[in-house]
Each structure stands twice: as C-alpha cells, then as structure tokens.
C-alpha cells in the first residue's frame, strides 16, 4: 500500500512542493533505490518528531521492501512507528496504516502468525472507525490477513475472508485487485484450479485497467496466480509461459531478493521439474 490516502491528481497536488515530493515521485516511477535514498536523506535532515521525517521513513520502508530487502524494510517500519504514534496518535488511520504495511512485510519473512495477529488487530480498529480512509484501511488489513492465512495453509479461511472483504469493498481499484489475487491463491491452495483461473483472469482484467503507477507494486502477481492455476489444470506450456513472464518482470522491477521474484522462480523450477 502507498502511504497517502488519495490517488491521482489530488494526491499529486497535495505533495507538490513538499520535502517528500521527489521521494514519492521516484517511488511511484518504480525507481525504488533512488526513492529510498531520497527519503532517508529527508528523514536525516529533520528532527525525529517532524511529520515529514516520519513519512519519509515510511516511504523508505516501502522502497526497501520493493527491492526485496524485507528485513530492512521491517526495521525501518519499527523505527517509524513510535514517531507516528507521537505525531498522529495511536488510533489515527495513518498510524494504523503503517501497522498494516509493517505487518504485511512479515509475510515476506515467513512470519505468518505475527502478520495474522497484527492485521486482525488493525482491521478491528479500522472497523470501529468512520470515513473512507478507515474503510480502505480495513480492506487492506484484511488483505494482509488473507495472505497470512494462505501462508499457513488455512486456505478455506482465507477464501471466506477474501470473499467477505470483496463484498464489502465494491470499488474496482487496487484493493480489489489484491483481494482477488488472495482469493485466487486460496482456491489454488484447495486445488480448485478452475475457480482460481477464473478469479485470476478477472484480476488480470482489473490490473490492466488500473493506472500504471498503481499496477507497478503488483508486477508479476497476476501471472503467478494464472501460472499456478494453469499448472494445476495440466496446461503446462501455458503455465510455464506465465511463470517465466512473472519471473522476468519481477526480476526487472524488484530484483532477485524480492519475495515475488523468488515465488515465480520456485514455480518455474517446479514446472521444469515435472
């Protein structure tokens, strides 16, 4: 998830002229190493209780995670969280969103139970709130929870939660995309590959309709879901083509250490070993 609530022109207007404008623009352009360096420079240049310094750490954490440096990303979130609590308050949607983003880095480190507990807590807190920010945050936290459940092999629970979250979140946006991908993952985990393929194809249509800067964080995710379903259906050549495309795209966008790059590589090796 991105730090800022809004997307599009209003977000760009809000950030124009701030110390974070360059870091945010670099991140959205997929220039993650440059975005991280710029954000960390901003954080170092300001006092620890400065709002821009806190947000800069958030951008740095996002950018580090996008480069596959998941442990460093989590450490940066740990550094930012106390500042967010002091500046915005523990119950503010920005602080809760930081907790959700932090928890979802745990998935990349295999810390599924911890992610599950934190995302459940954030979803509950957001559910008690009001306004569009809290509603979006609740859906995002549920997405993290779906991923954590899938990671623990609890695919039926993940399916039920993903369907519930999709029913509550009707917008055709990136949140719907990641929830649909979580649903496809849960169906693949139950060997319901035909259903998973249908969901992945729907996710693919949604992905293609999103603006480029919103698609970029999910590079390769649709192809991984499609390849897994196709392999389960015995369509091995199609599965390999999708898996190879996912791996190449993730390698170019995120590098070899990123969780999704590794997942695509493992899937490709599995296909080649059949």
C-alpha atoms as a PDB file:
ATOM      1  CA  UNK A   1       0.000   0.000   0.000  1.00  0.00           C
ATOM      2  CA  UNK A   2       1.054   3.591  -0.524  1.00  0.00           C
ATOM      3  CA  UNK A   3       1.258   5.944   2.412  1.00  0.00           C
ATOM      4  CA  UNK A   4      -1.089   8.570   1.094  1.00  0.00           C
ATOM      5  CA  UNK A   5      -4.822   8.164   1.172  1.00  0.00           C
ATOM      6  CA  UNK A   6      -5.759   9.664  -2.162  1.00  0.00           C
ATOM      7  CA  UNK A   7      -4.641   8.633  -5.603  1.00  0.00           C
ATOM      8  CA  UNK A   8      -4.243  10.617  -8.774  1.00  0.00           C
ATOM      9  CA  UNK A   9      -4.171  14.348  -9.321  1.00  0.00           C
ATOM     10  CA  UNK A  10      -5.338  15.392  -5.841  1.00  0.00           C
ATOM     11  CA  UNK A  11      -2.507  13.374  -4.306  1.00  0.00           C
ATOM     12  CA  UNK A  12      -0.011  14.980  -6.663  1.00  0.00           C
ATOM     13  CA  UNK A  13      -1.262  18.458  -5.754  1.00  0.00           C
ATOM     14  CA  UNK A  14      -1.007  17.664  -2.045  1.00  0.00           C
ATOM     15  CA  UNK A  15       2.600  16.552  -2.352  1.00  0.00           C
ATOM     16  CA  UNK A  16       3.837  19.214  -4.785  1.00  0.00           C
ATOM     17  CA  UNK A  17       6.413  21.453  -3.169  1.00  0.00           C
ATOM     18  CA  UNK A  18       6.820  19.357  -0.008  1.00  0.00           C
ATOM     19  CA  UNK A  19      10.155  17.799   1.052  1.00  0.00           C
ATOM     20  CA  UNK A  20       8.709  14.404   0.109  1.00  0.00           C
ATOM     21  CA  UNK A  21       7.599  15.196  -3.444  1.00  0.00           C
ATOM     22  CA  UNK A  22      10.747  13.817  -5.062  1.00  0.00           C
ATOM     23  CA  UNK A  23      10.836  10.615  -2.996  1.00  0.00           C
ATOM     24  CA  UNK A  24       7.174   9.921  -3.697  1.00  0.00           C
ATOM     25  CA  UNK A  25       7.581  10.556  -7.435  1.00  0.00           C
ATOM     26  CA  UNK A  26      10.603   8.240  -7.591  1.00  0.00           C
ATOM     27  CA  UNK A  27       8.741   5.509  -5.723  1.00  0.00           C
ATOM     28  CA  UNK A  28       5.703   5.695  -7.988  1.00  0.00           C
ATOM     29  CA  UNK A  29       8.003   5.585 -11.034  1.00  0.00           C
ATOM     30  CA  UNK A  30       9.462   2.306  -9.764  1.00  0.00           C
ATOM     31  CA  UNK A  31      12.872   3.857  -9.077  1.00  0.00           C
ATOM     32  CA  UNK A  32      12.986   2.262  -5.657  1.00  0.00           C
ATOM     33  CA  UNK A  33      16.677   2.620  -4.786  1.00  0.00           C
ATOM     34  CA  UNK A  34      16.585   6.330  -5.610  1.00  0.00           C
ATOM     35  CA  UNK A  35      13.320   6.783  -3.725  1.00  0.00           C
ATOM     36  CA  UNK A  36      14.769   5.111  -0.657  1.00  0.00           C
ATOM     37  CA  UNK A  37      17.940   7.218  -0.755  1.00  0.00           C
ATOM     38  CA  UNK A  38      15.933  10.427  -1.136  1.00  0.00           C
ATOM     39  CA  UNK A  39      13.500   9.502   1.643  1.00  0.00           C
ATOM     40  CA  UNK A  40      16.283   8.581   4.053  1.00  0.00           C
ATOM     41  CA  UNK A  41      18.037  11.879   3.291  1.00  0.00           C
ATOM     42  CA  UNK A  42      14.853  13.763   4.160  1.00  0.00           C
ATOM     43  CA  UNK A  43      14.456  11.786   7.382  1.00  0.00           C
ATOM     44  CA  UNK A  44      18.059  12.520   8.415  1.00  0.00           C
ATOM     45  CA  UNK A  45      17.675  16.224   7.703  1.00  0.00           C
ATOM     46  CA  UNK A  46      14.738  16.774  10.072  1.00  0.00           C
ATOM     47  CA  UNK A  47      14.021  16.277  13.747  1.00  0.00           C
ATOM     48  CA  UNK A  48      12.759  12.898  14.909  1.00  0.00           C
ATOM     49  CA  UNK A  49       9.317  14.302  15.762  1.00  0.00           C
ATOM     50  CA  UNK A  50       8.883  16.117  12.459  1.00  0.00           C
ATOM     51  CA  UNK A  51       5.933  14.895  10.400  1.00  0.00           C
ATOM     52  CA  UNK A  52       7.893  14.856   7.159  1.00  0.00           C
ATOM     53  CA  UNK A  53      10.679  12.835   8.774  1.00  0.00           C
ATOM     54  CA  UNK A  54       8.174  10.216   9.910  1.00  0.00           C
ATOM     55  CA  UNK A  55       6.538   9.979   6.494  1.00  0.00           C
ATOM     56  CA  UNK A  56       9.967   9.833   4.853  1.00  0.00           C
ATOM     57  CA  UNK A  57      10.760   6.736   6.907  1.00  0.00           C
ATOM     58  CA  UNK A  58       7.507   5.203   5.690  1.00  0.00           C
ATOM     59  CA  UNK A  59       8.491   5.801   2.064  1.00  0.00           C
ATOM     60  CA  UNK A  60      11.958   4.394   2.761  1.00  0.00           C
ATOM     61  CA  UNK A  61      10.390   1.263   4.245  1.00  0.00           C
ATOM     62  CA  UNK A  62       8.122   0.825   1.228  1.00  0.00           C
ATOM     63  CA  UNK A  63      11.048   1.281  -1.153  1.00  0.00           C
ATOM     64  CA  UNK A  64      13.299  -1.131   0.752  1.00  0.00           C
ATOM     65  CA  UNK A  65      10.560  -3.768   0.666  1.00  0.00           C
ATOM     66  CA  UNK A  66      10.083  -3.203  -3.061  1.00  0.00           C
ATOM     67  CA  UNK A  67      13.761  -4.038  -3.543  1.00  0.00           C
ATOM     68  CA  UNK A  68      13.354  -7.328  -1.702  1.00  0.00           C
ATOM     69  CA  UNK A  69      15.145  -6.148   1.442  1.00  0.00           C
ATOM     70  CA  UNK A  70      12.258  -7.214   3.617  1.00  0.00           C
ATOM     71  CA  UNK A  71      14.100  -7.396   6.948  1.00  0.00           C
ATOM     72  CA  UNK A  72      15.464  -3.863   6.475  1.00  0.00           C
ATOM     73  CA  UNK A  73      12.013  -2.677   5.490  1.00  0.00           C
ATOM     74  CA  UNK A  74      10.554  -4.110   8.680  1.00  0.00           C
ATOM     75  CA  UNK A  75      13.307  -2.488  10.752  1.00  0.00           C
ATOM     76  CA  UNK A  76      12.521   0.880   9.157  1.00  0.00           C
ATOM     77  CA  UNK A  77       8.828   0.453   9.953  1.00  0.00           C
ATOM     78  CA  UNK A  78       9.841  -0.309  13.538  1.00  0.00           C
ATOM     79  CA  UNK A  79      11.767   2.969  13.588  1.00  0.00           C
ATOM     80  CA  UNK A  80       8.855   4.935  12.134  1.00  0.00           C
ATOM     81  CA  UNK A  81       6.050   3.501  14.256  1.00  0.00           C
ATOM     82  CA  UNK A  82       6.837   5.320  17.551  1.00  0.00           C
ATOM     83  CA  UNK A  83       7.080   8.640  15.672  1.00  0.00           C
ATOM     84  CA  UNK A  84       3.719   8.039  14.017  1.00  0.00           C
ATOM     85  CA  UNK A  85       2.183   7.317  17.410  1.00  0.00           C
ATOM     86  CA  UNK A  86       3.567  10.533  18.866  1.00  0.00           C
ATOM     87  CA  UNK A  87       2.696  12.736  15.904  1.00  0.00           C
ATOM     88  CA  UNK A  88      -0.649  11.354  14.751  1.00  0.00           C
ATOM     89  CA  UNK A  89      -1.864   9.261  17.681  1.00  0.00           C
ATOM     90  CA  UNK A  90      -2.227   5.518  18.091  1.00  0.00           C
ATOM     91  CA  UNK A  91      -5.764   5.401  16.694  1.00  0.00           C
ATOM     92  CA  UNK A  92      -5.196   7.639  13.673  1.00  0.00           C
ATOM     93  CA  UNK A  93      -5.663   5.980  10.291  1.00  0.00           C
ATOM     94  CA  UNK A  94      -2.101   6.889   9.282  1.00  0.00           C
ATOM     95  CA  UNK A  95      -0.645   5.071  12.281  1.00  0.00           C
ATOM     96  CA  UNK A  96      -2.925   2.105  11.704  1.00  0.00           C
ATOM     97  CA  UNK A  97      -1.946   2.018   8.034  1.00  0.00           C
ATOM     98  CA  UNK A  98       1.715   1.968   8.966  1.00  0.00           C
ATOM     99  CA  UNK A  99       0.990  -1.010  11.221  1.00  0.00           C
ATOM    100  CA  UNK A 100      -0.790  -2.766   8.348  1.00  0.00           C
ATOM    101  CA  UNK A 101       2.077  -2.122   5.922  1.00  0.00           C
ATOM    102  CA  UNK A 102       4.590  -3.268   8.546  1.00  0.00           C
ATOM    103  CA  UNK A 103       2.635  -6.464   9.210  1.00  0.00           C
ATOM    104  CA  UNK A 104       2.495  -7.327   5.548  1.00  0.00           C
ATOM    105  CA  UNK A 105       6.289  -7.215   5.334  1.00  0.00           C
ATOM    106  CA  UNK A 106       6.241 -10.057   7.861  1.00  0.00           C
ATOM    107  CA  UNK A 107       4.655 -12.271   5.197  1.00  0.00           C
ATOM    108  CA  UNK A 108       7.770 -11.872   3.074  1.00  0.00           C
ATOM    109  CA  UNK A 109       9.822 -13.104   6.029  1.00  0.00           C
ATOM    110  CA  UNK A 110       7.570 -16.117   6.659  1.00  0.00           C
ATOM    111  CA  UNK A 111       6.240 -14.656   9.912  1.00  0.00           C
ATOM    112  CA  UNK A 112       2.648 -15.507   9.059  1.00  0.00           C
ATOM    113  CA  UNK A 113       1.215 -15.874  12.561  1.00  0.00           C
ATOM    114  CA  UNK A 114       2.549 -12.455  13.592  1.00  0.00           C
ATOM    115  CA  UNK A 115       1.152 -10.896  10.433  1.00  0.00           C
ATOM    116  CA  UNK A 116      -2.193 -12.539  11.087  1.00  0.00           C
ATOM    117  CA  UNK A 117      -2.424 -11.163  14.632  1.00  0.00           C
ATOM    118  CA  UNK A 118      -1.414  -7.632  13.669  1.00  0.00           C
ATOM    119  CA  UNK A 119      -3.620  -7.416  10.564  1.00  0.00           C
ATOM    120  CA  UNK A 120      -6.588  -8.722  12.559  1.00  0.00           C
ATOM    121  CA  UNK A 121      -5.987  -6.039  15.191  1.00  0.00           C
ATOM    122  CA  UNK A 122      -5.707  -3.291  12.584  1.00  0.00           C
ATOM    123  CA  UNK A 123      -8.823  -4.489  10.747  1.00  0.00           C
ATOM    124  CA  UNK A 124     -10.767  -4.478  14.005  1.00  0.00           C
ATOM    125  CA  UNK A 125      -9.585  -0.965  14.904  1.00  0.00           C
ATOM    126  CA  UNK A 126     -10.345   0.338  11.419  1.00  0.00           C
ATOM    127  CA  UNK A 127     -13.777  -1.297  11.536  1.00  0.00           C
ATOM    128  CA  UNK A 128     -14.606   0.817  14.568  1.00  0.00           C
ATOM    129  CA  UNK A 129     -13.658   3.990  12.730  1.00  0.00           C
ATOM    130  CA  UNK A 130     -15.531   6.066  10.203  1.00  0.00           C
ATOM    131  CA  UNK A 131     -14.772   7.637   6.865  1.00  0.00           C
ATOM    132  CA  UNK A 132     -13.279   6.424   3.590  1.00  0.00           C
ATOM    133  CA  UNK A 133      -9.747   6.167   4.982  1.00  0.00           C
ATOM    134  CA  UNK A 134     -10.786   3.690   7.663  1.00  0.00           C
ATOM    135  CA  UNK A 135     -12.887   1.666   5.221  1.00  0.00           C
ATOM    136  CA  UNK A 136      -9.962   1.378   2.805  1.00  0.00           C
ATOM    137  CA  UNK A 137      -7.598   0.534   5.639  1.00  0.00           C
ATOM    138  CA  UNK A 138      -9.906  -2.219   6.914  1.00  0.00           C
ATOM    139  CA  UNK A 139      -9.920  -3.794   3.445  1.00  0.00           C
ATOM    140  CA  UNK A 140      -6.129  -3.535   3.181  1.00  0.00           C
ATOM    141  CA  UNK A 141      -5.635  -5.136   6.597  1.00  0.00           C
ATOM    142  CA  UNK A 142      -7.987  -7.951   5.616  1.00  0.00           C
ATOM    143  CA  UNK A 143      -5.873  -8.480   2.515  1.00  0.00           C
ATOM    144  CA  UNK A 144      -2.835  -8.942   4.739  1.00  0.00           C
ATOM    145  CA  UNK A 145      -4.834 -11.340   6.861  1.00  0.00           C
ATOM    146  CA  UNK A 146      -5.847 -13.347   3.772  1.00  0.00           C
ATOM    147  CA  UNK A 147      -2.201 -13.611   2.763  1.00  0.00           C
ATOM    148  CA  UNK A 148      -1.184 -14.707   6.261  1.00  0.00           C
ATOM    149  CA  UNK A 149      -3.871 -17.391   6.354  1.00  0.00           C
ATOM    150  CA  UNK A 150      -2.844 -18.685   2.937  1.00  0.00           C
ATOM    151  CA  UNK A 151       0.757 -18.766   4.096  1.00  0.00           C
ATOM    152  CA  UNK A 152      -0.259 -21.052   6.950  1.00  0.00           C
ATOM    153  CA  UNK A 153      -2.179 -23.382   4.643  1.00  0.00           C
ATOM    154  CA  UNK A 154      -5.545 -22.234   6.014  1.00  0.00           C
ATOM    155  CA  UNK A 155      -6.974 -21.768   2.548  1.00  0.00           C
ATOM    156  CA  UNK A 156     -10.669 -22.194   3.347  1.00  0.00           C
ATOM    157  CA  UNK A 157     -10.477 -19.484   5.993  1.00  0.00           C
ATOM    158  CA  UNK A 158      -8.596 -17.276   3.556  1.00  0.00           C
ATOM    159  CA  UNK A 159     -11.245 -17.830   0.891  1.00  0.00           C
ATOM    160  CA  UNK A 160     -14.089 -16.929   3.239  1.00  0.00           C
ATOM    161  CA  UNK A 161     -12.346 -13.768   4.408  1.00  0.00           C
ATOM    162  CA  UNK A 162     -11.410 -12.686   0.879  1.00  0.00           C
ATOM    163  CA  UNK A 163     -14.990 -13.097  -0.320  1.00  0.00           C
ATOM    164  CA  UNK A 164     -16.280 -11.175   2.689  1.00  0.00           C
ATOM    165  CA  UNK A 165     -13.799  -8.351   2.096  1.00  0.00           C
ATOM    166  CA  UNK A 166     -14.620  -8.164  -1.617  1.00  0.00           C
ATOM    167  CA  UNK A 167     -18.327  -7.990  -0.843  1.00  0.00           C
ATOM    168  CA  UNK A 168     -17.668  -5.035   1.467  1.00  0.00           C
ATOM    169  CA  UNK A 169     -15.285  -3.286  -0.940  1.00  0.00           C
ATOM    170  CA  UNK A 170     -17.060  -2.713  -4.238  1.00  0.00           C
ATOM    171  CA  UNK A 171     -14.639  -0.283  -5.882  1.00  0.00           C
ATOM    172  CA  UNK A 172     -12.728  -1.599  -8.883  1.00  0.00           C
ATOM    173  CA  UNK A 173      -9.362  -0.461  -7.575  1.00  0.00           C
ATOM    174  CA  UNK A 174      -6.025  -1.858  -6.438  1.00  0.00           C
ATOM    175  CA  UNK A 175      -7.518  -3.046  -3.155  1.00  0.00           C
ATOM    176  CA  UNK A 176      -9.998  -5.188  -5.090  1.00  0.00           C
ATOM    177  CA  UNK A 177      -7.129  -6.454  -7.225  1.00  0.00           C
ATOM    178  CA  UNK A 178      -5.055  -7.719  -4.307  1.00  0.00           C
ATOM    179  CA  UNK A 179      -8.102  -9.231  -2.629  1.00  0.00           C
ATOM    180  CA  UNK A 180      -8.966 -11.117  -5.822  1.00  0.00           C
ATOM    181  CA  UNK A 181      -5.406 -12.355  -6.045  1.00  0.00           C
ATOM    182  CA  UNK A 182      -5.635 -13.532  -2.439  1.00  0.00           C
ATOM    183  CA  UNK A 183      -8.857 -15.330  -3.298  1.00  0.00           C
ATOM    184  CA  UNK A 184      -7.207 -17.000  -6.303  1.00  0.00           C
ATOM    185  CA  UNK A 185      -4.325 -18.077  -4.081  1.00  0.00           C
ATOM    186  CA  UNK A 186      -6.751 -19.633  -1.591  1.00  0.00           C
ATOM    187  CA  UNK A 187      -8.543 -21.522  -4.371  1.00  0.00           C
ATOM    188  CA  UNK A 188      -5.276 -22.795  -5.814  1.00  0.00           C
ATOM    189  CA  UNK A 189      -4.360 -23.920  -2.314  1.00  0.00           C
ATOM    190  CA  UNK A 190      -7.533 -26.030  -2.265  1.00  0.00           C
ATOM    191  CA  UNK A 191      -6.736 -27.490  -5.695  1.00  0.00           C
ATOM    192  CA  UNK A 192      -9.797 -25.698  -7.108  1.00  0.00           C
ATOM    193  CA  UNK A 193      -7.796 -24.600 -10.091  1.00  0.00           C
ATOM    194  CA  UNK A 194     -10.653 -23.877 -12.479  1.00  0.00           C
ATOM    195  CA  UNK A 195     -12.178 -21.455  -9.954  1.00  0.00           C
ATOM    196  CA  UNK A 196      -8.738 -19.996  -9.294  1.00  0.00           C
ATOM    197  CA  UNK A 197      -8.189 -19.446 -13.002  1.00  0.00           C
ATOM    198  CA  UNK A 198     -11.488 -17.570 -13.268  1.00  0.00           C
ATOM    199  CA  UNK A 199     -10.543 -15.299 -10.376  1.00  0.00           C
ATOM    200  CA  UNK A 200      -7.038 -14.734 -11.734  1.00  0.00           C
ATOM    201  CA  UNK A 201      -8.435 -13.834 -15.156  1.00  0.00           C
ATOM    202  CA  UNK A 202     -10.767 -11.323 -13.510  1.00  0.00           C
ATOM    203  CA  UNK A 203      -7.812  -9.915 -11.593  1.00  0.00           C
ATOM    204  CA  UNK A 204      -5.896  -9.633 -14.856  1.00  0.00           C
ATOM    205  CA  UNK A 205      -8.668  -7.520 -16.406  1.00  0.00           C
ATOM    206  CA  UNK A 206      -8.737  -5.269 -13.354  1.00  0.00           C
ATOM    207  CA  UNK A 207      -4.951  -4.983 -13.315  1.00  0.00           C
ATOM    208  CA  UNK A 208      -4.861  -3.843 -16.928  1.00  0.00           C
ATOM    209  CA  UNK A 209      -7.491  -1.165 -16.236  1.00  0.00           C
ATOM    210  CA  UNK A 210      -5.514   0.477 -13.418  1.00  0.00           C
ATOM    211  CA  UNK A 211      -3.128   3.396 -13.983  1.00  0.00           C
ATOM    212  CA  UNK A 212       0.480   2.328 -14.439  1.00  0.00           C
ATOM    213  CA  UNK A 213       1.710   3.671 -11.093  1.00  0.00           C
ATOM    214  CA  UNK A 214      -0.961   1.629  -9.305  1.00  0.00           C
ATOM    215  CA  UNK A 215      -0.089  -1.535 -11.253  1.00  0.00           C
ATOM    216  CA  UNK A 216       3.624  -1.376 -10.540  1.00  0.00           C
ATOM    217  CA  UNK A 217       3.656  -2.781  -6.945  1.00  0.00           C
ATOM    218  CA  UNK A 218       1.759  -5.867  -8.156  1.00  0.00           C
ATOM    219  CA  UNK A 219       4.035  -6.619 -11.098  1.00  0.00           C
ATOM    220  CA  UNK A 220       4.068 -10.356 -11.733  1.00  0.00           C
ATOM    221  CA  UNK A 221       1.370 -11.191  -9.183  1.00  0.00           C
ATOM    222  CA  UNK A 222      -1.361 -11.909 -11.724  1.00  0.00           C
ATOM    223  CA  UNK A 223       0.967 -14.085 -13.801  1.00  0.00           C
ATOM    224  CA  UNK A 224       1.938 -16.133 -10.729  1.00  0.00           C
ATOM    225  CA  UNK A 225      -1.739 -16.770  -9.925  1.00  0.00           C
ATOM    226  CA  UNK A 226      -2.513 -17.680 -13.539  1.00  0.00           C
ATOM    227  CA  UNK A 227       0.519 -19.946 -13.844  1.00  0.00           C
ATOM    228  CA  UNK A 228      -0.341 -21.803 -10.648  1.00  0.00           C
ATOM    229  CA  UNK A 229      -3.914 -22.407 -11.809  1.00  0.00           C
ATOM    230  CA  UNK A 230      -2.843 -23.446 -15.294  1.00  0.00           C
ATOM    231  CA  UNK A 231      -0.280 -25.889 -13.894  1.00  0.00           C
ATOM    232  CA  UNK A 232      -2.965 -27.405 -11.670  1.00  0.00           C
ATOM    233  CA  UNK A 233      -5.155 -27.883 -14.744  1.00  0.00           C
ATOM    234  CA  UNK A 234      -2.368 -29.675 -16.585  1.00  0.00           C
ATOM    235  CA  UNK A 235      -1.795 -26.858 -19.056  1.00  0.00           C
ATOM    236  CA  UNK A 236       1.956 -26.962 -18.511  1.00  0.00           C
ATOM    237  CA  UNK A 237       3.210 -24.966 -21.561  1.00  0.00           C
ATOM    238  CA  UNK A 238       0.798 -22.113 -20.761  1.00  0.00           C
ATOM    239  CA  UNK A 239       1.787 -22.270 -17.097  1.00  0.00           C
ATOM    240  CA  UNK A 240       5.469 -22.078 -17.942  1.00  0.00           C
ATOM    241  CA  UNK A 241       4.964 -19.109 -20.218  1.00  0.00           C
ATOM    242  CA  UNK A 242       3.127 -17.222 -17.479  1.00  0.00           C
ATOM    243  CA  UNK A 243       5.626 -18.183 -14.777  1.00  0.00           C
ATOM    244  CA  UNK A 244       8.574 -17.116 -16.938  1.00  0.00           C
ATOM    245  CA  UNK A 245       6.878 -13.796 -17.681  1.00  0.00           C
ATOM    246  CA  UNK A 246       6.266 -13.277 -13.951  1.00  0.00           C
ATOM    247  CA  UNK A 247       9.871 -14.064 -13.065  1.00  0.00           C
ATOM    248  CA  UNK A 248      11.320 -11.789 -15.755  1.00  0.00           C
ATOM    249  CA  UNK A 249       9.018  -8.913 -14.805  1.00  0.00           C
ATOM    250  CA  UNK A 250       9.689  -9.261 -11.062  1.00  0.00           C
ATOM    251  CA  UNK A 251      13.427  -9.560 -11.599  1.00  0.00           C
ATOM    252  CA  UNK A 252      13.431  -6.352 -13.647  1.00  0.00           C
ATOM    253  CA  UNK A 253      11.166  -4.430 -11.275  1.00  0.00           C
ATOM    254  CA  UNK A 254      12.160  -5.691  -7.815  1.00  0.00           C
ATOM    255  CA  UNK A 255      15.406  -7.636  -8.144  1.00  0.00           C
ATOM    256  CA  UNK A 256      16.276 -11.223  -7.205  1.00  0.00           C
ATOM    257  CA  UNK A 257      15.681 -10.914  -3.448  1.00  0.00           C
ATOM    258  CA  UNK A 258      12.038  -9.891  -3.591  1.00  0.00           C
ATOM    259  CA  UNK A 259       9.500 -12.399  -2.281  1.00  0.00           C
ATOM    260  CA  UNK A 260       7.511 -12.463  -5.522  1.00  0.00           C
ATOM    261  CA  UNK A 261      10.620 -12.935  -7.661  1.00  0.00           C
ATOM    262  CA  UNK A 262      11.535 -15.934  -5.517  1.00  0.00           C
ATOM    263  CA  UNK A 263       7.989 -17.295  -5.724  1.00  0.00           C
ATOM    264  CA  UNK A 264       7.971 -17.051  -9.513  1.00  0.00           C
ATOM    265  CA  UNK A 265      11.401 -18.672  -9.697  1.00  0.00           C
ATOM    266  CA  UNK A 266      10.288 -21.552  -7.455  1.00  0.00           C
ATOM    267  CA  UNK A 267       7.163 -22.049  -9.566  1.00  0.00           C
ATOM    268  CA  UNK A 268       9.232 -22.050 -12.743  1.00  0.00           C
ATOM    269  CA  UNK A 269      11.598 -24.656 -11.287  1.00  0.00           C
ATOM    270  CA  UNK A 270       8.617 -26.764 -10.242  1.00  0.00           C
ATOM    271  CA  UNK A 271       7.215 -26.644 -13.773  1.00  0.00           C
ATOM    272  CA  UNK A 272      10.554 -27.523 -15.334  1.00  0.00           C
ATOM    273  CA  UNK A 273      10.873 -30.440 -12.931  1.00  0.00           C
ATOM    274  CA  UNK A 274       7.539 -32.020 -13.942  1.00  0.00           C
END
